[in-house]
Amino acid sequence: MDTGLAYYKPSGVAPPSGVILTTLAGCVLAVAAGALYGIISYTIPLIFLHCLNFVFAGELGFLLGFAVSKGVSAFHVRNVSCAVICGIIVFACAYVSHWFFYLAAYGITKLSGAPEIFGTAYLLFENPREAWKRIQFINGDGWPLTNFSDSGEIMIRGWTLWTIWTAEAIWIGYLTLAAPVRQANAPYSERRGIWMDAVDLPKHIAFIENVSDFKKSFSGGDYGALMTPFDVWRAPLDPRDEKYAVVTMYPDSWDPYISVSNVTVKHGKKKRRVSAENVVKYLKLPAEISLEIKDALS
């Protein structure tokens, strides 16, 4: 339903020098991080233990995404497509580096073999066809599921192993792109030439049960729900559950924006689980309304 509300949209500006520098710096980090990840992957060959690799893959993806997002922020890249391209190139460098070093480490088990690993990785870089042959060989040879079986090792190979490798690549790639895309989409003040600060207002508002009606009220000029602290709305709840909404403001003298997220807190016996869901993201507000909301929830 079109409520006529205005939301923030990136201007699409991407300084060429900023995009190039972000990509180059990211690639340097990617090669080093990918090499380390490749060697770590080699030390965990068992599928039974390979879930650890997904943890390290996540760390690699977060690191790459953080680096690219910092470049996007520092060089004021407000173009999502450029941020995605930077992320893809950086991810590709890391993933290729990971394979070169994984293949180079294949069969080398002693730390004294480190110089040999680097030398072999460089040779494979010069001869990618040989690298591809080795990948195919490893896939055909297979990875052991576990070495604790009485009947011998159970090997995972072929399409099953291709699928595992593909899932691993998708996981790293997703995490590499997530942060830069989020940064490029974040509100930016074109007048002031800076990214807007995200300020979570200290007082919460009531949980938004009907999102459609909530948005419709804004189109009619009614912002009362954003100016009423949660305590006024509070009703008796199960002590194990909490529900409220958090208001995040992007203050600006000319173009203020606001986001609202529903938060659910569940108290278990041992854990406290918090989940959040966007209700409104980067909604443009009249300047005077933003000041009233800030005063009401501060």
Protein backbone atom coordinates (compact mmCIF):
# COMPACT_ATOMS: atom_id res chain seq x y z
CA MET A 1 0.00 0.00 0.00
CA ASP A 2 1.38 3.40 -1.02
CA THR A 3 1.00 5.79 1.91
CA GLY A 4 2.81 8.66 0.20
CA LEU A 5 5.60 8.57 2.77
CA ALA A 6 9.13 9.58 1.75
CA TYR A 7 12.09 7.34 2.54
CA TYR A 8 15.82 7.88 2.23
CA LYS A 9 17.44 6.83 -1.04
CA PRO A 10 21.20 6.91 -1.67
CA SER A 11 22.26 9.61 -4.11
CA GLY A 12 24.32 7.12 -6.13
CA VAL A 13 27.49 9.21 -5.84
CA ALA A 14 30.70 7.16 -5.82
CA PRO A 15 34.05 9.00 -6.02
CA PRO A 16 36.18 6.91 -8.45
CA SER A 17 39.35 7.33 -6.39
CA GLY A 18 37.50 6.17 -3.28
CA VAL A 19 36.14 3.08 -5.01
CA ILE A 20 39.59 2.18 -6.37
CA LEU A 21 41.38 2.71 -3.05
CA THR A 22 38.74 0.75 -1.15
CA THR A 23 39.07 -2.15 -3.58
CA LEU A 24 42.89 -2.15 -3.57
CA ALA A 25 43.21 -1.98 0.21
CA GLY A 26 40.55 -4.64 0.58
CA CYS A 27 42.32 -6.95 -1.87
CA VAL A 28 45.62 -6.69 0.01
CA LEU A 29 43.87 -7.71 3.22
CA ALA A 30 41.88 -10.38 1.36
CA VAL A 31 44.98 -12.13 0.01
CA ALA A 32 46.56 -12.31 3.47
CA ALA A 33 43.35 -13.34 5.25
CA GLY A 34 42.49 -15.85 2.53
CA ALA A 35 45.94 -17.43 2.81
CA LEU A 36 45.53 -17.86 6.56
CA TYR A 37 42.03 -19.29 6.10
CA GLY A 38 43.30 -21.73 3.45
CA ILE A 39 45.97 -23.10 5.78
CA ILE A 40 43.46 -23.35 8.64
CA SER A 41 41.03 -25.20 6.33
CA TYR A 42 43.72 -27.73 5.51
CA THR A 43 44.28 -28.49 9.19
CA ILE A 44 40.58 -29.45 9.59
CA PRO A 45 40.04 -32.04 6.85
CA LEU A 46 37.36 -34.08 8.62
CA ILE A 47 33.76 -33.36 7.62
CA PHE A 48 32.89 -34.34 11.19
CA LEU A 49 34.86 -31.31 12.39
CA HIS A 50 34.31 -29.11 9.35
CA CYS A 51 31.62 -27.11 11.15
CA LEU A 52 34.61 -25.33 12.69
CA ASN A 53 35.52 -24.16 9.20
CA PHE A 54 32.16 -22.41 8.90
CA VAL A 55 33.02 -20.53 12.09
CA PHE A 56 36.36 -19.45 10.58
CA ALA A 57 34.60 -18.74 7.27
CA GLY A 58 32.23 -16.44 9.15
CA GLU A 59 35.15 -14.65 10.77
CA LEU A 60 36.78 -14.21 7.35
CA GLY A 61 33.56 -12.84 5.85
CA PHE A 62 33.05 -10.43 8.76
CA LEU A 63 36.65 -9.20 8.46
CA LEU A 64 36.37 -8.59 4.70
CA GLY A 65 32.97 -6.95 5.06
CA PHE A 66 34.23 -4.71 7.84
CA ALA A 67 37.24 -3.61 5.76
CA VAL A 68 35.18 -2.80 2.66
CA SER A 69 32.48 -1.00 4.67
CA LYS A 70 35.16 1.16 6.31
CA GLY A 71 36.38 2.15 2.84
CA VAL A 72 32.82 2.88 1.70
CA SER A 73 32.35 5.07 4.76
CA ALA A 74 35.72 6.84 4.61
CA PHE A 75 35.43 7.67 0.90
CA HIS A 76 31.72 8.61 1.01
CA VAL A 77 30.52 5.97 -1.43
CA ARG A 78 26.72 6.36 -1.64
CA ASN A 79 26.28 3.93 -4.50
CA VAL A 80 25.13 0.43 -3.57
CA SER A 81 26.20 -1.09 -6.90
CA CYS A 82 29.77 0.19 -6.45
CA ALA A 83 29.84 -1.13 -2.88
CA VAL A 84 28.71 -4.54 -4.17
CA ILE A 85 31.37 -4.55 -6.91
CA CYS A 86 34.09 -3.68 -4.37
CA GLY A 87 32.87 -6.46 -2.10
CA ILE A 88 32.74 -9.04 -4.90
CA ILE A 89 36.30 -8.27 -6.01
CA VAL A 90 37.61 -8.44 -2.44
CA PHE A 91 35.75 -11.69 -1.80
CA ALA A 92 37.14 -13.19 -5.03
CA CYS A 93 40.71 -12.30 -4.00
CA ALA A 94 40.23 -13.90 -0.60
CA TYR A 95 38.59 -17.04 -1.93
CA VAL A 96 41.15 -17.61 -4.69
CA SER A 97 43.98 -16.97 -2.21
CA HIS A 98 42.38 -19.47 0.16
CA TRP A 99 42.43 -22.18 -2.51
CA PHE A 100 46.02 -21.52 -3.59
CA PHE A 101 47.26 -21.83 -0.02
CA TYR A 102 44.99 -24.75 0.79
CA LEU A 103 46.33 -26.65 -2.21
CA ALA A 104 49.90 -25.66 -1.39
CA ALA A 105 49.51 -26.96 2.16
CA TYR A 106 48.01 -30.23 0.95
CA GLY A 107 50.37 -32.99 2.08
CA ILE A 108 52.58 -30.68 4.17
CA THR A 109 52.09 -31.18 7.89
CA LYS A 110 55.12 -29.59 9.52
CA LEU A 111 55.51 -25.90 10.37
CA SER A 112 58.95 -26.02 8.76
CA GLY A 113 57.09 -26.44 5.47
CA ALA A 114 55.80 -22.83 5.61
CA PRO A 115 58.33 -21.47 3.04
CA GLU A 116 57.43 -24.37 0.78
CA ILE A 117 53.74 -23.54 1.14
CA PHE A 118 54.29 -19.94 0.03
CA GLY A 119 56.48 -21.04 -2.86
CA THR A 120 53.97 -23.63 -4.04
CA ALA A 121 51.11 -21.16 -3.72
CA TYR A 122 52.98 -18.74 -5.97
CA LEU A 123 53.60 -21.46 -8.55
CA LEU A 124 49.92 -22.38 -8.52
CA PHE A 125 49.05 -18.70 -8.99
CA GLU A 126 51.19 -18.74 -12.13
CA ASN A 127 49.57 -21.97 -13.32
CA PRO A 128 45.83 -21.90 -12.47
CA ARG A 129 45.16 -24.99 -14.62
CA GLU A 130 47.34 -27.02 -12.27
CA ALA A 131 45.42 -25.57 -9.31
CA TRP A 132 42.13 -26.66 -10.89
CA LYS A 133 43.49 -30.17 -11.48
CA ARG A 134 44.47 -30.41 -7.83
CA ILE A 135 40.99 -29.28 -6.71
CA GLN A 136 39.46 -31.98 -8.88
CA PHE A 137 41.88 -34.54 -7.48
CA ILE A 138 41.01 -33.63 -3.88
CA ASN A 139 37.30 -33.76 -4.71
CA GLY A 140 37.75 -37.22 -6.23
CA ASP A 141 39.95 -38.42 -3.40
CA GLY A 142 37.43 -37.08 -0.89
CA TRP A 143 37.38 -35.85 2.68
CA PRO A 144 36.95 -38.32 5.56
CA LEU A 145 33.67 -38.02 7.42
CA THR A 146 35.28 -39.29 10.59
CA ASN A 147 38.26 -41.43 11.53
CA PHE A 148 36.52 -42.98 14.51
CA SER A 149 34.60 -45.59 12.53
CA ASP A 150 35.39 -49.26 13.20
CA SER A 151 34.81 -50.05 9.53
CA GLY A 152 37.36 -47.51 8.37
CA GLU A 153 37.08 -43.96 7.08
CA ILE A 154 33.89 -42.87 5.34
CA MET A 155 34.81 -40.47 2.52
CA ILE A 156 32.76 -37.50 1.28
CA ARG A 157 33.44 -36.69 -2.34
CA GLY A 158 31.90 -35.67 -5.66
CA TRP A 159 28.78 -33.49 -5.71
CA THR A 160 28.40 -33.69 -1.95
CA LEU A 161 31.81 -32.12 -1.45
CA TRP A 162 31.19 -29.56 -4.22
CA THR A 163 28.00 -28.58 -2.39
CA ILE A 164 29.85 -28.11 0.90
CA TRP A 165 32.48 -25.95 -0.78
CA THR A 166 29.80 -23.92 -2.56
CA ALA A 167 27.90 -23.33 0.69
CA GLU A 168 31.13 -22.20 2.32
CA ALA A 169 31.80 -19.72 -0.52
CA ILE A 170 28.23 -18.35 -0.37
CA TRP A 171 28.54 -17.84 3.39
CA ILE A 172 31.81 -15.90 3.06
CA GLY A 173 30.49 -13.89 0.11
CA TYR A 174 27.26 -12.96 1.88
CA LEU A 175 29.09 -11.69 4.95
CA THR A 176 31.58 -9.80 2.77
CA LEU A 177 28.78 -7.91 0.99
CA ALA A 178 26.37 -7.35 3.89
CA ALA A 179 28.28 -4.61 5.73
CA PRO A 180 29.29 -2.51 2.66
CA VAL A 181 25.74 -2.60 1.28
CA ARG A 182 24.35 -1.57 4.65
CA GLN A 183 26.84 1.30 4.85
CA ALA A 184 26.15 2.53 1.30
CA ASN A 185 22.42 2.50 2.08
CA ALA A 186 22.79 4.43 5.35
CA PRO A 187 21.45 8.01 5.49
CA TYR A 188 23.91 10.58 4.24
CA SER A 189 23.56 14.36 4.44
CA GLU A 190 24.36 15.68 0.98
CA ARG A 191 24.23 19.26 2.28
CA ARG A 192 26.78 18.66 5.05
CA GLY A 193 28.79 15.99 3.21
CA ILE A 194 28.79 13.51 6.11
CA TRP A 195 27.09 10.28 7.15
CA MET A 196 24.28 10.85 9.62
CA ASP A 197 24.75 9.49 13.13
CA ALA A 198 22.32 6.77 14.20
CA VAL A 199 20.95 7.68 17.64
CA ASP A 200 18.84 5.13 19.54
CA LEU A 201 16.48 7.20 21.65
CA PRO A 202 16.66 6.07 25.31
CA LYS A 203 12.89 5.69 25.84
CA HIS A 204 11.02 2.99 23.98
CA ILE A 205 7.54 3.07 22.46
CA ALA A 206 4.81 0.42 22.37
CA PHE A 207 5.29 -2.71 20.27
CA ILE A 208 3.83 -2.15 16.78
CA GLU A 209 1.15 -4.81 16.33
CA ASN A 210 -0.33 -3.43 13.09
CA VAL A 211 2.45 -2.11 10.86
CA SER A 212 0.09 -1.00 8.08
CA ASP A 213 -2.01 1.19 10.40
CA PHE A 214 1.16 2.50 12.04
CA LYS A 215 2.49 3.77 8.70
CA LYS A 216 -0.92 5.01 7.58
CA SER A 217 -1.12 7.29 10.64
CA PHE A 218 2.06 9.08 9.52
CA SER A 219 0.64 9.79 6.07
CA GLY A 220 -2.23 11.57 7.84
CA GLY A 221 0.18 13.64 9.91
CA ASP A 222 -0.39 11.73 13.15
CA TYR A 223 2.95 10.98 14.83
CA GLY A 224 1.50 10.48 18.31
CA ALA A 225 2.64 6.85 18.60
CA LEU A 226 6.25 8.04 18.22
CA MET A 227 5.87 10.56 21.02
CA THR A 228 4.36 8.30 23.68
CA PRO A 229 6.90 6.47 25.85
CA PHE A 230 6.33 2.76 26.37
CA ASP A 231 5.64 3.06 30.11
CA VAL A 232 2.34 4.80 29.40
CA TRP A 233 1.25 1.87 27.20
CA ARG A 234 2.62 -0.88 29.40
CA ALA A 235 0.25 -3.71 30.25
CA PRO A 236 0.90 -6.75 32.47
CA LEU A 237 3.07 -9.21 30.56
CA ASP A 238 4.40 -12.65 31.11
CA PRO A 239 7.59 -11.95 33.13
CA ARG A 240 9.42 -14.21 30.71
CA ASP A 241 8.55 -12.01 27.72
CA GLU A 242 9.06 -8.37 26.84
CA LYS A 243 7.85 -6.50 23.78
CA TYR A 244 8.58 -2.94 22.80
CA ALA A 245 9.76 -0.85 19.85
CA VAL A 246 13.04 1.06 19.55
CA VAL A 247 13.20 4.38 17.72
CA THR A 248 16.45 5.25 15.96
CA MET A 249 16.88 8.81 14.80
CA TYR A 250 19.19 10.24 12.13
CA PRO A 251 19.17 13.91 13.15
CA ASP A 252 19.71 16.61 10.56
CA SER A 253 18.63 20.25 10.40
CA TRP A 254 17.15 19.84 6.93
CA ASP A 255 16.42 16.17 6.27
CA PRO A 256 15.97 14.13 9.47
CA TYR A 257 15.13 10.43 9.18
CA ILE A 258 13.87 7.81 11.56
CA SER A 259 13.77 4.02 11.84
CA VAL A 260 11.58 1.91 14.11
CA SER A 261 12.21 -1.72 15.10
CA ASN A 262 10.03 -4.14 17.04
CA VAL A 263 12.00 -5.89 19.77
CA THR A 264 11.00 -9.14 21.47
CA VAL A 265 12.86 -10.38 24.54
CA LYS A 266 12.32 -13.92 25.76
CA HIS A 267 13.70 -14.99 29.12
CA GLY A 268 14.53 -18.67 29.28
CA LYS A 269 15.95 -20.62 32.17
CA LYS A 270 19.54 -20.01 31.10
CA LYS A 271 19.35 -17.55 28.22
CA ARG A 272 17.88 -14.19 27.40
CA ARG A 273 17.05 -14.04 23.68
CA VAL A 274 16.53 -10.73 21.92
CA SER A 275 15.15 -10.48 18.38
CA ALA A 276 14.50 -7.32 16.37
CA GLU A 277 12.49 -6.70 13.21
CA ASN A 278 12.39 -3.52 11.13
CA VAL A 279 9.00 -1.81 11.03
CA VAL A 280 10.01 1.48 9.43
CA LYS A 281 13.42 2.13 7.88
CA TYR A 282 14.82 5.57 7.04
CA LEU A 283 11.49 7.45 7.03
CA LYS A 284 11.85 11.15 6.27
CA LEU A 285 10.31 13.41 8.90
CA PRO A 286 9.38 17.09 9.06
CA ALA A 287 12.13 18.85 11.01
CA GLU A 288 9.79 20.11 13.74
CA ILE A 289 8.29 16.63 14.24
CA SER A 290 11.74 15.08 14.67
CA LEU A 291 12.51 17.56 17.46
CA GLU A 292 9.25 16.73 19.24
CA ILE A 293 9.96 12.99 19.02
CA LYS A 294 13.48 13.50 20.31
CA ASP A 295 12.20 15.53 23.27
CA ALA A 296 9.48 12.99 24.09
CA LEU A 297 11.78 9.96 24.06
CA SER A 298 14.94 11.47 25.58
